[in-house]
């Protein structure tokens, strides 16, 4: 079984915005934004339809990062 270090509060991520160089904020898993019930669904099941073909196979958890200054959004795969 794998686990995401960001989802489980084991690590923080520090990525700067490519537009304004301010630090971006982790807003959670991309799958949590699909619908009202997504946060309660099995993560591995949602990875089959998350739009990232190898996230399940390679153990990546897609997180949405957002810049609070300029509003830039970016998805990064976090190694589980």
Protein backbone atom coordinates (compact mmCIF):
# COMPACT_ATOMS: atom_id res chain seq x y z
CA UNK A 1 0.00 0.00 0.00
CA UNK A 2 1.28 3.45 -0.88
CA UNK A 3 0.47 6.76 0.71
CA UNK A 4 0.90 10.34 -0.35
CA UNK A 5 3.17 12.33 1.97
CA UNK A 6 1.19 15.54 1.30
CA UNK A 7 -2.26 14.02 1.83
CA UNK A 8 -1.07 12.48 5.09
CA UNK A 9 0.70 15.57 6.41
CA UNK A 10 4.17 13.98 6.39
CA UNK A 11 5.76 16.61 4.14
CA UNK A 12 5.12 20.08 2.78
CA UNK A 13 5.76 21.19 -0.77
CA UNK A 14 7.62 24.35 -1.71
CA UNK A 15 7.22 25.31 -5.36
CA UNK A 16 7.45 28.83 -6.67
CA UNK A 17 4.99 30.20 -9.18
CA UNK A 18 6.46 30.41 -12.70
CA UNK A 19 4.56 33.68 -13.29
CA UNK A 20 5.31 35.78 -10.19
CA UNK A 21 7.87 33.74 -8.18
CA UNK A 22 5.70 33.62 -5.03
CA UNK A 23 5.25 30.32 -3.21
CA UNK A 24 2.33 28.23 -4.44
CA UNK A 25 -0.14 26.57 -2.04
CA UNK A 26 -1.19 22.93 -2.12
CA UNK A 27 -4.98 22.85 -2.46
CA UNK A 28 -5.26 19.06 -2.30
CA UNK A 29 -5.79 16.15 -4.66
CA UNK A 30 -7.13 16.96 -8.11
CA UNK A 31 -9.69 14.16 -7.72
CA UNK A 32 -11.27 15.91 -4.72
CA UNK A 33 -12.62 18.56 -7.10
CA UNK A 34 -14.53 16.16 -9.40
CA UNK A 35 -17.80 16.28 -7.45
CA UNK A 36 -19.21 16.52 -3.92
CA UNK A 37 -18.50 12.87 -3.10
CA UNK A 38 -15.02 12.51 -4.63
CA UNK A 39 -13.13 13.16 -1.38
CA UNK A 40 -14.90 10.11 0.09
CA UNK A 41 -14.19 7.74 -2.82
CA UNK A 42 -11.33 5.25 -2.95
CA UNK A 43 -8.24 7.08 -4.25
CA UNK A 44 -6.98 4.16 -6.36
CA UNK A 45 -10.35 3.87 -8.08
CA UNK A 46 -10.34 7.58 -8.92
CA UNK A 47 -6.78 7.34 -10.25
CA UNK A 48 -8.12 5.14 -13.06
CA UNK A 49 -10.03 8.15 -14.42
CA UNK A 50 -8.01 11.12 -13.15
CA UNK A 51 -6.61 12.12 -16.56
CA UNK A 52 -3.06 11.08 -15.65
CA UNK A 53 -2.56 7.70 -17.37
CA UNK A 54 0.25 6.43 -15.14
CA UNK A 55 -0.68 7.88 -11.74
CA UNK A 56 -1.94 4.53 -10.42
CA UNK A 57 0.81 2.42 -11.98
CA UNK A 58 3.66 4.75 -10.99
CA UNK A 59 2.34 5.71 -7.55
CA UNK A 60 1.75 9.39 -8.19
CA UNK A 61 -0.83 11.51 -6.41
CA UNK A 62 -1.92 14.50 -8.55
CA UNK A 63 -2.11 17.66 -6.43
CA UNK A 64 -3.43 21.03 -7.50
CA UNK A 65 -1.13 23.92 -6.58
CA UNK A 66 -2.43 27.47 -6.69
CA UNK A 67 -0.61 30.77 -6.44
CA UNK A 68 -2.38 33.07 -3.96
CA UNK A 69 -0.86 36.14 -5.60
CA UNK A 70 -1.62 35.75 -9.30
CA UNK A 71 -4.06 32.80 -9.35
CA UNK A 72 -1.89 30.50 -11.49
CA UNK A 73 -2.89 26.80 -11.15
CA UNK A 74 -0.59 23.86 -11.72
CA UNK A 75 -0.89 20.10 -11.22
CA UNK A 76 2.09 18.15 -9.88
CA UNK A 77 2.37 14.40 -9.33
CA UNK A 78 3.62 13.64 -5.83
CA UNK A 79 5.53 10.37 -5.47
CA UNK A 80 3.81 8.01 -3.05
